[in-house]
Amino acid sequence: MPRRARIDASGALHHIICRGIERRKIFRDDADRDAFIRRLGTVLKETQSFCYAWALIPNHFHLLLRTGSTPIATVMQRLLSGYAGAYNRRHRRIGQLFHNRYKSILCQEDLYLLELVRYIHLNPLRAKLVETLDQLDSYAYGGHSALMGKCSNDWQEVDRILSLFGRRLLESRKTYHAFVEKGVDMGRRPELTGGGLIRSMGGWRAVTSLRKLKEHLKGDERILGDSDFVAAVLEAQHESLERRYRLKAKGFDIEKVIQRTAEIIGLDAGQIRTPCKEPLRVQARSLVCYWAVRELGLTTVAVSKELGICQAAVTKAVARGKVFAEKRGLNLQE
């Protein structure tokens, strides 16, 4: 069966699960874990992505991320390829480190944000890396300790999560800790690792029976949310793919995007391809990056090669281009 496309959108909330090949360890010691955390922080900052929860287990990891203007595929490609290369060099090994593709689940924020923060942060306790919740409070390789003020990560959205539990810091930490404690006895929760609607309803048979009663529900293992959310996400994904197909059918590639941008901005293609800090050219190149990545679905790596700039610069340009296009009401197609 062919793989289904990943679902992504600017500002989407993703639960990422990535395992080692054949369930082998991907973190052998603290040096590996520290290297992964450093790389994660760098990638998140450069891609303007946000992390709400995370946990490192010897043979896998969990992340709860919100994408900015950079697609989740680009964020993860940079994180995984960079870490795998460094890991292989350090341990003098060759070959694949991670098992197939990582799992990426688009999540409905209002229903699942806090549930996922709790579920992910309890992973080290469930995996018996720590024996008690008190020990988890100080466990350096999960996001819970940062929320409890025991560790500090400038790339983790601590204030955002704590603000949901109270206005005052001590009060919010106490309330958050009580919330996490209530989850200890819940055990493993398969409904939070994809296809939440299907699993929480008792499987496809239960969903089908409700459909017979004219309860129209949708389910998809790439999405965690209620039926309306799933339907809306799938419709948006379908429209996005259709738009890309139409653009490619009309011959749109990076060259045509540059030409279209040149027409709009009033420059020639050569000026856009040449790096320059002149404001008009910066706007033009930002627009090219935005349309190439978000409309055509090109990777930031491919665009960086075309424009002769680094991948991080493309990521920032995509964000600028989005703002510029929306402010001016610009479209790739005439």
C-alpha atoms as a PDB file:
ATOM      1  CA  MET A   1       0.000   0.000   0.000  1.00  0.00           C
ATOM      2  CA  PRO A   2       1.469   3.420  -0.939  1.00  0.00           C
ATOM      3  CA  ARG A   3       2.301   5.797   1.853  1.00  0.00           C
ATOM      4  CA  ARG A   4      -0.208   8.542   2.443  1.00  0.00           C
ATOM      5  CA  ALA A   5       1.075  12.102   2.357  1.00  0.00           C
ATOM      6  CA  ARG A   6       1.855  13.818   5.611  1.00  0.00           C
ATOM      7  CA  ILE A   7      -0.664  16.416   6.672  1.00  0.00           C
ATOM      8  CA  ASP A   8       0.699  19.822   7.548  1.00  0.00           C
ATOM      9  CA  ALA A   9      -0.361  23.439   7.732  1.00  0.00           C
ATOM     10  CA  SER A  10       1.240  26.597   9.017  1.00  0.00           C
ATOM     11  CA  GLY A  11       0.614  26.782  12.749  1.00  0.00           C
ATOM     12  CA  ALA A  12      -0.452  23.138  13.041  1.00  0.00           C
ATOM     13  CA  LEU A  13       0.106  21.137  16.233  1.00  0.00           C
ATOM     14  CA  HIS A  14       1.948  17.843  15.704  1.00  0.00           C
ATOM     15  CA  HIS A  15       2.602  14.878  17.974  1.00  0.00           C
ATOM     16  CA  ILE A  16       5.836  13.353  16.653  1.00  0.00           C
ATOM     17  CA  ILE A  17       6.908   9.805  17.543  1.00  0.00           C
ATOM     18  CA  CYS A  18      10.206   8.497  16.184  1.00  0.00           C
ATOM     19  CA  ARG A  19      11.713   5.080  16.953  1.00  0.00           C
ATOM     20  CA  GLY A  20      15.080   3.472  16.408  1.00  0.00           C
ATOM     21  CA  ILE A  21      15.411   0.851  13.686  1.00  0.00           C
ATOM     22  CA  GLU A  22      14.408  -2.586  14.974  1.00  0.00           C
ATOM     23  CA  ARG A  23      13.610  -0.795  18.250  1.00  0.00           C
ATOM     24  CA  ARG A  24      17.314  -0.367  18.938  1.00  0.00           C
ATOM     25  CA  LYS A  25      18.652   2.432  21.098  1.00  0.00           C
ATOM     26  CA  ILE A  26      19.046   5.859  19.524  1.00  0.00           C
ATOM     27  CA  PHE A  27      20.394   7.349  22.766  1.00  0.00           C
ATOM     28  CA  ARG A  28      23.191   5.298  24.350  1.00  0.00           C
ATOM     29  CA  ASP A  29      24.243   7.807  26.975  1.00  0.00           C
ATOM     30  CA  ASP A  30      23.816  11.371  28.203  1.00  0.00           C
ATOM     31  CA  ALA A  31      26.241  12.654  25.579  1.00  0.00           C
ATOM     32  CA  ASP A  32      23.877  11.434  22.867  1.00  0.00           C
ATOM     33  CA  ARG A  33      20.894  12.955  24.632  1.00  0.00           C
ATOM     34  CA  ASP A  34      22.662  16.279  25.114  1.00  0.00           C
ATOM     35  CA  ALA A  35      23.672  16.349  21.441  1.00  0.00           C
ATOM     36  CA  PHE A  36      20.075  15.686  20.376  1.00  0.00           C
ATOM     37  CA  ILE A  37      18.748  18.455  22.643  1.00  0.00           C
ATOM     38  CA  ARG A  38      21.261  20.974  21.307  1.00  0.00           C
ATOM     39  CA  ARG A  39      20.339  20.121  17.740  1.00  0.00           C
ATOM     40  CA  LEU A  40      16.627  20.242  18.536  1.00  0.00           C
ATOM     41  CA  GLY A  41      16.975  23.720  20.035  1.00  0.00           C
ATOM     42  CA  THR A  42      18.917  24.984  17.026  1.00  0.00           C
ATOM     43  CA  VAL A  43      16.451  23.572  14.501  1.00  0.00           C
ATOM     44  CA  LEU A  44      13.415  24.914  16.355  1.00  0.00           C
ATOM     45  CA  LYS A  45      14.869  28.419  16.535  1.00  0.00           C
ATOM     46  CA  GLU A  46      15.974  28.492  12.903  1.00  0.00           C
ATOM     47  CA  THR A  47      12.641  27.147  11.620  1.00  0.00           C
ATOM     48  CA  GLN A  48      10.590  29.308  14.006  1.00  0.00           C
ATOM     49  CA  SER A  49       8.834  26.219  15.372  1.00  0.00           C
ATOM     50  CA  PHE A  50       7.532  25.790  18.915  1.00  0.00           C
ATOM     51  CA  CYS A  51       7.889  22.887  21.333  1.00  0.00           C
ATOM     52  CA  TYR A  52       5.264  22.311  24.046  1.00  0.00           C
ATOM     53  CA  ALA A  53       6.329  18.873  25.269  1.00  0.00           C
ATOM     54  CA  TRP A  54       9.111  16.346  24.697  1.00  0.00           C
ATOM     55  CA  ALA A  55      10.610  13.195  26.154  1.00  0.00           C
ATOM     56  CA  LEU A  56      13.652  11.087  25.257  1.00  0.00           C
ATOM     57  CA  ILE A  57      13.439   7.321  25.765  1.00  0.00           C
ATOM     58  CA  PRO A  58      16.456   5.100  24.914  1.00  0.00           C
ATOM     59  CA  ASN A  59      14.901   3.730  21.705  1.00  0.00           C
ATOM     60  CA  HIS A  60      12.490   6.527  20.739  1.00  0.00           C
ATOM     61  CA  PHE A  61      11.374  10.078  21.428  1.00  0.00           C
ATOM     62  CA  HIS A  62       8.196  12.148  21.547  1.00  0.00           C
ATOM     63  CA  LEU A  63       7.795  15.794  20.524  1.00  0.00           C
ATOM     64  CA  LEU A  64       4.756  18.066  20.576  1.00  0.00           C
ATOM     65  CA  LEU A  65       5.504  20.804  18.054  1.00  0.00           C
ATOM     66  CA  ARG A  66       3.720  23.669  16.415  1.00  0.00           C
ATOM     67  CA  THR A  67       5.040  24.521  12.984  1.00  0.00           C
ATOM     68  CA  GLY A  68       5.726  28.077  11.937  1.00  0.00           C
ATOM     69  CA  SER A  69       6.240  28.859   8.273  1.00  0.00           C
ATOM     70  CA  THR A  70       8.504  25.810   7.829  1.00  0.00           C
ATOM     71  CA  PRO A  71       6.796  22.482   6.984  1.00  0.00           C
ATOM     72  CA  ILE A  72       7.091  19.756   9.606  1.00  0.00           C
ATOM     73  CA  ALA A  73       8.861  17.546   7.050  1.00  0.00           C
ATOM     74  CA  THR A  74      11.679  20.085   6.767  1.00  0.00           C
ATOM     75  CA  VAL A  75      11.949  20.502  10.529  1.00  0.00           C
ATOM     76  CA  MET A  76      12.228  16.754  11.060  1.00  0.00           C
ATOM     77  CA  GLN A  77      14.576  16.170   8.132  1.00  0.00           C
ATOM     78  CA  ARG A  78      17.044  18.630   9.590  1.00  0.00           C
ATOM     79  CA  LEU A  79      16.734  17.194  13.080  1.00  0.00           C
ATOM     80  CA  LEU A  80      16.950  13.511  12.160  1.00  0.00           C
ATOM     81  CA  SER A  81      19.566  13.608   9.419  1.00  0.00           C
ATOM     82  CA  GLY A  82      21.858  15.834  11.456  1.00  0.00           C
ATOM     83  CA  TYR A  83      21.551  13.744  14.602  1.00  0.00           C
ATOM     84  CA  ALA A  84      21.905  10.409  12.758  1.00  0.00           C
ATOM     85  CA  GLY A  85      25.105  11.574  11.071  1.00  0.00           C
ATOM     86  CA  ALA A  86      26.635  12.753  14.338  1.00  0.00           C
ATOM     87  CA  TYR A  87      25.513   9.586  16.151  1.00  0.00           C
ATOM     88  CA  ASN A  88      27.040   7.307  13.519  1.00  0.00           C
ATOM     89  CA  ARG A  89      30.324   9.179  13.576  1.00  0.00           C
ATOM     90  CA  ARG A  90      30.514   9.135  17.364  1.00  0.00           C
ATOM     91  CA  HIS A  91      29.741   5.433  17.660  1.00  0.00           C
ATOM     92  CA  ARG A  92      31.624   4.411  14.492  1.00  0.00           C
ATOM     93  CA  ARG A  93      28.621   2.815  12.874  1.00  0.00           C
ATOM     94  CA  ILE A  94      27.010   3.018   9.444  1.00  0.00           C
ATOM     95  CA  GLY A  95      23.489   2.535   8.204  1.00  0.00           C
ATOM     96  CA  GLN A  96      20.032   3.649   9.121  1.00  0.00           C
ATOM     97  CA  LEU A  97      19.391   4.800  12.678  1.00  0.00           C
ATOM     98  CA  PHE A  98      15.646   5.466  12.677  1.00  0.00           C
ATOM     99  CA  HIS A  99      12.804   3.056  11.893  1.00  0.00           C
ATOM    100  CA  ASN A 100      11.128   3.950   8.591  1.00  0.00           C
ATOM    101  CA  ARG A 101       9.313   7.277   8.750  1.00  0.00           C
ATOM    102  CA  TYR A 102       8.619   9.063  11.973  1.00  0.00           C
ATOM    103  CA  LYS A 103       4.965   9.223  12.959  1.00  0.00           C
ATOM    104  CA  SER A 104       3.390  12.671  12.670  1.00  0.00           C
ATOM    105  CA  ILE A 105      -0.129  13.207  14.002  1.00  0.00           C
ATOM    106  CA  LEU A 106      -1.929  16.484  13.408  1.00  0.00           C
ATOM    107  CA  CYS A 107      -3.770  17.344  16.636  1.00  0.00           C
ATOM    108  CA  GLN A 108      -6.810  19.398  17.522  1.00  0.00           C
ATOM    109  CA  GLU A 109      -5.399  21.881  19.997  1.00  0.00           C
ATOM    110  CA  ASP A 110      -8.403  22.783  22.120  1.00  0.00           C
ATOM    111  CA  LEU A 111      -9.177  19.126  22.864  1.00  0.00           C
ATOM    112  CA  TYR A 112      -5.730  17.583  23.047  1.00  0.00           C
ATOM    113  CA  LEU A 113      -2.980  20.097  23.852  1.00  0.00           C
ATOM    114  CA  LEU A 114      -2.915  19.534  27.618  1.00  0.00           C
ATOM    115  CA  GLU A 115      -3.685  15.820  27.357  1.00  0.00           C
ATOM    116  CA  LEU A 116      -0.700  15.377  25.053  1.00  0.00           C
ATOM    117  CA  VAL A 117       1.597  17.471  27.258  1.00  0.00           C
ATOM    118  CA  ARG A 118       0.727  15.201  30.180  1.00  0.00           C
ATOM    119  CA  TYR A 119       0.948  11.984  28.157  1.00  0.00           C
ATOM    120  CA  ILE A 120       4.332  12.847  26.631  1.00  0.00           C
ATOM    121  CA  HIS A 121       5.857  14.091  29.875  1.00  0.00           C
ATOM    122  CA  LEU A 122       4.851  10.917  31.712  1.00  0.00           C
ATOM    123  CA  ASN A 123       6.697   8.709  29.223  1.00  0.00           C
ATOM    124  CA  PRO A 124       9.948   8.497  31.241  1.00  0.00           C
ATOM    125  CA  LEU A 125       7.929   7.325  34.259  1.00  0.00           C
ATOM    126  CA  ARG A 126       6.039   4.720  32.230  1.00  0.00           C
ATOM    127  CA  ALA A 127       9.347   3.561  30.727  1.00  0.00           C
ATOM    128  CA  LYS A 128      10.773   3.246  34.279  1.00  0.00           C
ATOM    129  CA  LEU A 129      13.585   5.683  33.577  1.00  0.00           C
ATOM    130  CA  VAL A 130      12.507   7.274  36.853  1.00  0.00           C
ATOM    131  CA  GLU A 131      10.644   5.551  39.679  1.00  0.00           C
ATOM    132  CA  THR A 132       8.463   8.341  41.040  1.00  0.00           C
ATOM    133  CA  LEU A 133       6.804  11.566  39.967  1.00  0.00           C
ATOM    134  CA  ASP A 134       9.155  13.452  42.291  1.00  0.00           C
ATOM    135  CA  GLN A 135      12.110  12.036  40.358  1.00  0.00           C
ATOM    136  CA  LEU A 136      10.410  12.978  37.088  1.00  0.00           C
ATOM    137  CA  ASP A 137      10.258  16.576  38.335  1.00  0.00           C
ATOM    138  CA  SER A 138      14.065  16.738  37.998  1.00  0.00           C
ATOM    139  CA  TYR A 139      14.540  14.400  35.020  1.00  0.00           C
ATOM    140  CA  ALA A 140      16.679  16.369  32.558  1.00  0.00           C
ATOM    141  CA  TYR A 141      15.610  14.557  29.382  1.00  0.00           C
ATOM    142  CA  GLY A 142      11.939  15.443  29.314  1.00  0.00           C
ATOM    143  CA  GLY A 143      10.018  18.700  29.185  1.00  0.00           C
ATOM    144  CA  HIS A 144       8.263  18.160  32.536  1.00  0.00           C
ATOM    145  CA  SER A 145      11.299  19.297  34.544  1.00  0.00           C
ATOM    146  CA  ALA A 146      11.393  22.632  32.688  1.00  0.00           C
ATOM    147  CA  LEU A 147       7.738  23.241  33.539  1.00  0.00           C
ATOM    148  CA  MET A 148       8.577  22.492  37.176  1.00  0.00           C
ATOM    149  CA  GLY A 149      11.462  24.985  37.092  1.00  0.00           C
ATOM    150  CA  LYS A 150      14.161  22.351  37.666  1.00  0.00           C
ATOM    151  CA  CYS A 151      15.744  22.661  34.208  1.00  0.00           C
ATOM    152  CA  SER A 152      15.873  25.422  31.633  1.00  0.00           C
ATOM    153  CA  ASN A 153      15.405  25.213  27.863  1.00  0.00           C
ATOM    154  CA  ASP A 154      15.089  28.501  26.010  1.00  0.00           C
ATOM    155  CA  TRP A 155      13.400  26.708  23.095  1.00  0.00           C
ATOM    156  CA  GLN A 156      10.574  25.105  25.115  1.00  0.00           C
ATOM    157  CA  GLU A 157       7.273  26.980  25.408  1.00  0.00           C
ATOM    158  CA  VAL A 158       7.111  26.798  29.193  1.00  0.00           C
ATOM    159  CA  ASP A 159       5.216  30.036  29.812  1.00  0.00           C
ATOM    160  CA  ARG A 160       2.550  29.167  27.249  1.00  0.00           C
ATOM    161  CA  ILE A 161       1.692  25.890  28.989  1.00  0.00           C
ATOM    162  CA  LEU A 162       1.914  27.190  32.547  1.00  0.00           C
ATOM    163  CA  SER A 163      -0.344  30.120  31.660  1.00  0.00           C
ATOM    164  CA  LEU A 164      -3.135  27.606  31.071  1.00  0.00           C
ATOM    165  CA  PHE A 165      -2.934  26.522  34.732  1.00  0.00           C
ATOM    166  CA  GLY A 166      -2.964  29.903  36.456  1.00  0.00           C
ATOM    167  CA  ARG A 167      -1.701  33.469  36.407  1.00  0.00           C
ATOM    168  CA  ARG A 168       0.888  33.177  39.157  1.00  0.00           C
ATOM    169  CA  LEU A 169       3.958  31.010  38.590  1.00  0.00           C
ATOM    170  CA  LEU A 170       3.858  29.005  41.835  1.00  0.00           C
ATOM    171  CA  GLU A 171       0.115  28.495  41.545  1.00  0.00           C
ATOM    172  CA  SER A 172       0.311  27.364  37.928  1.00  0.00           C
ATOM    173  CA  ARG A 173       3.161  24.912  38.644  1.00  0.00           C
ATOM    174  CA  LYS A 174       1.238  23.399  41.551  1.00  0.00           C
ATOM    175  CA  THR A 175      -1.914  23.009  39.450  1.00  0.00           C
ATOM    176  CA  TYR A 176       0.042  21.604  36.505  1.00  0.00           C
ATOM    177  CA  HIS A 177       1.793  19.096  38.779  1.00  0.00           C
ATOM    178  CA  ALA A 178      -1.557  17.924  40.168  1.00  0.00           C
ATOM    179  CA  PHE A 179      -2.858  17.549  36.596  1.00  0.00           C
ATOM    180  CA  VAL A 180       0.130  15.379  35.646  1.00  0.00           C
ATOM    181  CA  GLU A 181      -0.227  13.317  38.817  1.00  0.00           C
ATOM    182  CA  LYS A 182      -3.796  12.417  37.856  1.00  0.00           C
ATOM    183  CA  GLY A 183      -2.456  10.940  34.630  1.00  0.00           C
ATOM    184  CA  VAL A 184      -0.051   8.500  36.300  1.00  0.00           C
ATOM    185  CA  ASP A 185      -2.708   5.817  36.739  1.00  0.00           C
ATOM    186  CA  MET A 186      -4.094   6.239  33.218  1.00  0.00           C
ATOM    187  CA  GLY A 187      -1.266   4.102  31.781  1.00  0.00           C
ATOM    188  CA  ARG A 188      -0.608   3.907  28.071  1.00  0.00           C
ATOM    189  CA  ARG A 189      -3.226   5.746  26.057  1.00  0.00           C
ATOM    190  CA  PRO A 190      -3.354   4.500  22.457  1.00  0.00           C
ATOM    191  CA  GLU A 191      -6.084   7.022  21.635  1.00  0.00           C
ATOM    192  CA  LEU A 192      -3.432   9.751  21.888  1.00  0.00           C
ATOM    193  CA  THR A 193      -1.028   8.247  19.356  1.00  0.00           C
ATOM    194  CA  GLY A 194      -3.113   8.635  16.216  1.00  0.00           C
ATOM    195  CA  GLY A 195      -6.611   7.985  14.965  1.00  0.00           C
ATOM    196  CA  GLY A 196      -7.986   9.279  18.243  1.00  0.00           C
ATOM    197  CA  LEU A 197     -11.576   9.350  17.056  1.00  0.00           C
ATOM    198  CA  ILE A 198     -11.458   5.779  15.772  1.00  0.00           C
ATOM    199  CA  ARG A 199      -9.737   4.311  18.814  1.00  0.00           C
ATOM    200  CA  SER A 200     -11.720   6.232  21.397  1.00  0.00           C
ATOM    201  CA  MET A 201     -14.943   5.128  19.733  1.00  0.00           C
ATOM    202  CA  GLY A 202     -13.873   1.482  19.865  1.00  0.00           C
ATOM    203  CA  GLY A 203     -12.583   0.987  16.334  1.00  0.00           C
ATOM    204  CA  TRP A 204     -13.981   1.258  12.817  1.00  0.00           C
ATOM    205  CA  ARG A 205     -16.851  -1.112  13.578  1.00  0.00           C
ATOM    206  CA  ALA A 206     -18.210   1.271  16.207  1.00  0.00           C
ATOM    207  CA  VAL A 207     -17.725   4.233  13.896  1.00  0.00           C
ATOM    208  CA  THR A 208     -19.489   2.390  11.085  1.00  0.00           C
ATOM    209  CA  SER A 209     -22.445   1.520  13.299  1.00  0.00           C
ATOM    210  CA  LEU A 210     -22.841   5.177  14.226  1.00  0.00           C
ATOM    211  CA  ARG A 211     -22.736   6.124  10.564  1.00  0.00           C
ATOM    212  CA  LYS A 212     -25.675   3.803   9.991  1.00  0.00           C
ATOM    213  CA  LEU A 213     -27.528   5.910  12.538  1.00  0.00           C
ATOM    214  CA  LYS A 214     -26.674   8.959  10.418  1.00  0.00           C
ATOM    215  CA  GLU A 215     -23.935  10.067  12.795  1.00  0.00           C
ATOM    216  CA  HIS A 216     -21.476  11.143  10.140  1.00  0.00           C
ATOM    217  CA  LEU A 217     -17.979  10.726  11.573  1.00  0.00           C
ATOM    218  CA  LYS A 218     -14.571  10.810   9.965  1.00  0.00           C
ATOM    219  CA  GLY A 219     -11.335   9.199  11.102  1.00  0.00           C
ATOM    220  CA  ASP A 220      -7.740   9.243   9.932  1.00  0.00           C
ATOM    221  CA  GLU A 221      -4.702   7.900  11.778  1.00  0.00           C
ATOM    222  CA  ARG A 222      -2.709  10.986  10.781  1.00  0.00           C
ATOM    223  CA  ILE A 223      -5.144  13.185  12.716  1.00  0.00           C
ATOM    224  CA  LEU A 224      -6.165  13.382  16.372  1.00  0.00           C
ATOM    225  CA  GLY A 225      -9.447  15.230  16.826  1.00  0.00           C
ATOM    226  CA  ASP A 226     -13.219  15.103  16.655  1.00  0.00           C
ATOM    227  CA  SER A 227     -15.081  14.372  13.440  1.00  0.00           C
ATOM    228  CA  ASP A 228     -15.539  18.023  12.429  1.00  0.00           C
ATOM    229  CA  PHE A 229     -11.833  18.713  12.922  1.00  0.00           C
ATOM    230  CA  VAL A 230     -10.813  15.626  10.949  1.00  0.00           C
ATOM    231  CA  ALA A 231     -13.175  16.540   8.116  1.00  0.00           C
ATOM    232  CA  ALA A 232     -11.915  20.123   7.987  1.00  0.00           C
ATOM    233  CA  VAL A 233      -8.254  19.055   7.975  1.00  0.00           C
ATOM    234  CA  LEU A 234      -8.773  16.493   5.236  1.00  0.00           C
ATOM    235  CA  GLU A 235     -10.677  18.997   3.118  1.00  0.00           C
ATOM    236  CA  ALA A 236      -7.931  21.600   3.537  1.00  0.00           C
ATOM    237  CA  GLN A 237      -5.292  18.987   2.713  1.00  0.00           C
ATOM    238  CA  HIS A 238      -7.205  17.962  -0.398  1.00  0.00           C
ATOM    239  CA  GLU A 239      -7.487  21.584  -1.529  1.00  0.00           C
ATOM    240  CA  SER A 240      -3.770  22.155  -0.935  1.00  0.00           C
ATOM    241  CA  LEU A 241      -2.790  19.103  -2.962  1.00  0.00           C
ATOM    242  CA  GLU A 242      -5.221  20.023  -5.728  1.00  0.00           C
ATOM    243  CA  ARG A 243      -3.704  23.510  -5.887  1.00  0.00           C
ATOM    244  CA  ARG A 244      -0.215  22.044  -6.191  1.00  0.00           C
ATOM    245  CA  TYR A 245      -1.327  19.661  -8.936  1.00  0.00           C
ATOM    246  CA  ARG A 246      -2.937  22.529 -10.867  1.00  0.00           C
ATOM    247  CA  LEU A 247       0.189  24.664 -10.546  1.00  0.00           C
ATOM    248  CA  LYS A 248       2.461  21.869 -11.730  1.00  0.00           C
ATOM    249  CA  ALA A 249       0.077  21.055 -14.575  1.00  0.00           C
ATOM    250  CA  LYS A 250       0.439  24.672 -15.695  1.00  0.00           C
ATOM    251  CA  GLY A 251       4.197  24.278 -15.726  1.00  0.00           C
ATOM    252  CA  PHE A 252       5.000  26.054 -12.495  1.00  0.00           C
ATOM    253  CA  ASP A 253       8.472  25.283 -11.169  1.00  0.00           C
ATOM    254  CA  ILE A 254      10.994  27.406  -9.299  1.00  0.00           C
ATOM    255  CA  GLU A 255      11.949  29.232 -12.492  1.00  0.00           C
ATOM    256  CA  LYS A 256       8.370  30.189 -13.259  1.00  0.00           C
ATOM    257  CA  VAL A 257       7.860  31.301  -9.648  1.00  0.00           C
ATOM    258  CA  ILE A 258      10.867  33.614 -10.024  1.00  0.00           C
ATOM    259  CA  GLN A 259       9.521  34.988 -13.298  1.00  0.00           C
ATOM    260  CA  ARG A 260       6.073  35.579 -11.814  1.00  0.00           C
ATOM    261  CA  THR A 261       7.631  37.354  -8.829  1.00  0.00           C
ATOM    262  CA  ALA A 262       9.780  39.489 -11.135  1.00  0.00           C
ATOM    263  CA  GLU A 263       6.654  40.648 -12.968  1.00  0.00           C
ATOM    264  CA  ILE A 264       4.900  41.598  -9.751  1.00  0.00           C
ATOM    265  CA  ILE A 265       7.839  43.366  -8.103  1.00  0.00           C
ATOM    266  CA  GLY A 266       9.198  45.019 -11.226  1.00  0.00           C
ATOM    267  CA  LEU A 267      12.594  43.341 -11.364  1.00  0.00           C
ATOM    268  CA  ASP A 268      14.175  40.886 -13.764  1.00  0.00           C
ATOM    269  CA  ALA A 269      14.811  37.264 -12.847  1.00  0.00           C
ATOM    270  CA  GLY A 270      18.559  37.768 -12.674  1.00  0.00           C
ATOM    271  CA  GLN A 271      18.186  40.445 -10.006  1.00  0.00           C
ATOM    272  CA  ILE A 272      16.066  38.103  -7.896  1.00  0.00           C
ATOM    273  CA  ARG A 273      18.574  35.274  -8.183  1.00  0.00           C
ATOM    274  CA  THR A 274      21.440  37.521  -7.091  1.00  0.00           C
ATOM    275  CA  PRO A 275      21.714  37.925  -3.290  1.00  0.00           C
ATOM    276  CA  CYS A 276      21.369  41.540  -2.212  1.00  0.00           C
ATOM    277  CA  LYS A 277      20.247  43.452   0.878  1.00  0.00           C
ATOM    278  CA  GLU A 278      18.345  46.029  -1.157  1.00  0.00           C
ATOM    279  CA  PRO A 279      14.776  45.980   0.315  1.00  0.00           C
ATOM    280  CA  LEU A 280      12.969  45.370  -2.966  1.00  0.00           C
ATOM    281  CA  ARG A 281      15.128  42.354  -3.791  1.00  0.00           C
ATOM    282  CA  VAL A 282      14.754  40.994  -0.257  1.00  0.00           C
ATOM    283  CA  GLN A 283      10.970  41.194  -0.636  1.00  0.00           C
ATOM    284  CA  ALA A 284      11.126  39.490  -4.015  1.00  0.00           C
ATOM    285  CA  ARG A 285      13.325  36.635  -2.808  1.00  0.00           C
ATOM    286  CA  SER A 286      11.103  36.197   0.264  1.00  0.00           C
ATOM    287  CA  LEU A 287       8.061  35.925  -1.982  1.00  0.00           C
ATOM    288  CA  VAL A 288       9.825  33.313  -4.119  1.00  0.00           C
ATOM    289  CA  CYS A 289      10.719  31.276  -1.037  1.00  0.00           C
ATOM    290  CA  TYR A 290       7.158  31.446   0.310  1.00  0.00           C
ATOM    291  CA  TRP A 291       5.490  30.401  -2.927  1.00  0.00           C
ATOM    292  CA  ALA A 292       8.066  27.728  -3.751  1.00  0.00           C
ATOM    293  CA  VAL A 293       7.810  26.064  -0.326  1.00  0.00           C
ATOM    294  CA  ARG A 294       4.150  26.584   0.544  1.00  0.00           C
ATOM    295  CA  GLU A 295       2.494  26.547  -2.892  1.00  0.00           C
ATOM    296  CA  LEU A 296       4.704  24.169  -4.891  1.00  0.00           C
ATOM    297  CA  GLY A 297       5.759  22.025  -1.937  1.00  0.00           C
ATOM    298  CA  LEU A 298       9.491  22.315  -2.644  1.00  0.00           C
ATOM    299  CA  THR A 299      11.903  21.654   0.204  1.00  0.00           C
ATOM    300  CA  THR A 300      13.879  24.457   1.786  1.00  0.00           C
ATOM    301  CA  VAL A 301      17.004  22.580   0.739  1.00  0.00           C
ATOM    302  CA  ALA A 302      15.999  22.718  -2.948  1.00  0.00           C
ATOM    303  CA  VAL A 303      15.122  26.419  -2.724  1.00  0.00           C
ATOM    304  CA  SER A 304      18.370  27.238  -0.907  1.00  0.00           C
ATOM    305  CA  LYS A 305      20.356  25.682  -3.765  1.00  0.00           C
ATOM    306  CA  GLU A 306      18.398  27.633  -6.372  1.00  0.00           C
ATOM    307  CA  LEU A 307      18.859  30.991  -4.639  1.00  0.00           C
ATOM    308  CA  GLY A 308      22.357  30.423  -3.273  1.00  0.00           C
ATOM    309  CA  ILE A 309      21.464  30.948   0.386  1.00  0.00           C
ATOM    310  CA  CYS A 310      21.495  28.688   3.433  1.00  0.00           C
ATOM    311  CA  GLN A 311      18.510  26.615   4.506  1.00  0.00           C
ATOM    312  CA  ALA A 312      17.945  28.706   7.640  1.00  0.00           C
ATOM    313  CA  ALA A 313      17.752  31.852   5.503  1.00  0.00           C
ATOM    314  CA  VAL A 314      15.081  30.241   3.328  1.00  0.00           C
ATOM    315  CA  THR A 315      13.047  29.409   6.431  1.00  0.00           C
ATOM    316  CA  LYS A 316      13.102  33.037   7.564  1.00  0.00           C
ATOM    317  CA  ALA A 317      12.339  34.224   4.041  1.00  0.00           C
ATOM    318  CA  VAL A 318       9.256  31.993   3.867  1.00  0.00           C
ATOM    319  CA  ALA A 319       7.852  33.725   6.956  1.00  0.00           C
ATOM    320  CA  ARG A 320       8.582  37.196   5.522  1.00  0.00           C
ATOM    321  CA  GLY A 321       7.129  36.226   2.153  1.00  0.00           C
ATOM    322  CA  LYS A 322       3.912  35.004   3.737  1.00  0.00           C
ATOM    323  CA  VAL A 323       3.387  38.325   5.522  1.00  0.00           C
ATOM    324  CA  PHE A 324       4.234  40.306   2.376  1.00  0.00           C
ATOM    325  CA  ALA A 325       1.914  38.253   0.132  1.00  0.00           C
ATOM    326  CA  GLU A 326      -1.017  38.476   2.537  1.00  0.00           C
ATOM    327  CA  LYS A 327      -0.537  42.181   3.171  1.00  0.00           C
ATOM    328  CA  ARG A 328      -0.450  42.967  -0.557  1.00  0.00           C
ATOM    329  CA  GLY A 329      -3.049  40.367  -1.539  1.00  0.00           C
ATOM    330  CA  LEU A 330      -0.634  38.685  -3.959  1.00  0.00           C
ATOM    331  CA  ASN A 331      -1.263  35.310  -5.619  1.00  0.00           C
ATOM    332  CA  LEU A 332       1.115  33.062  -7.502  1.00  0.00           C
ATOM    333  CA  GLN A 333      -1.345  32.667 -10.337  1.00  0.00           C
ATOM    334  CA  GLU A 334      -2.626  35.734 -12.146  1.00  0.00           C
END
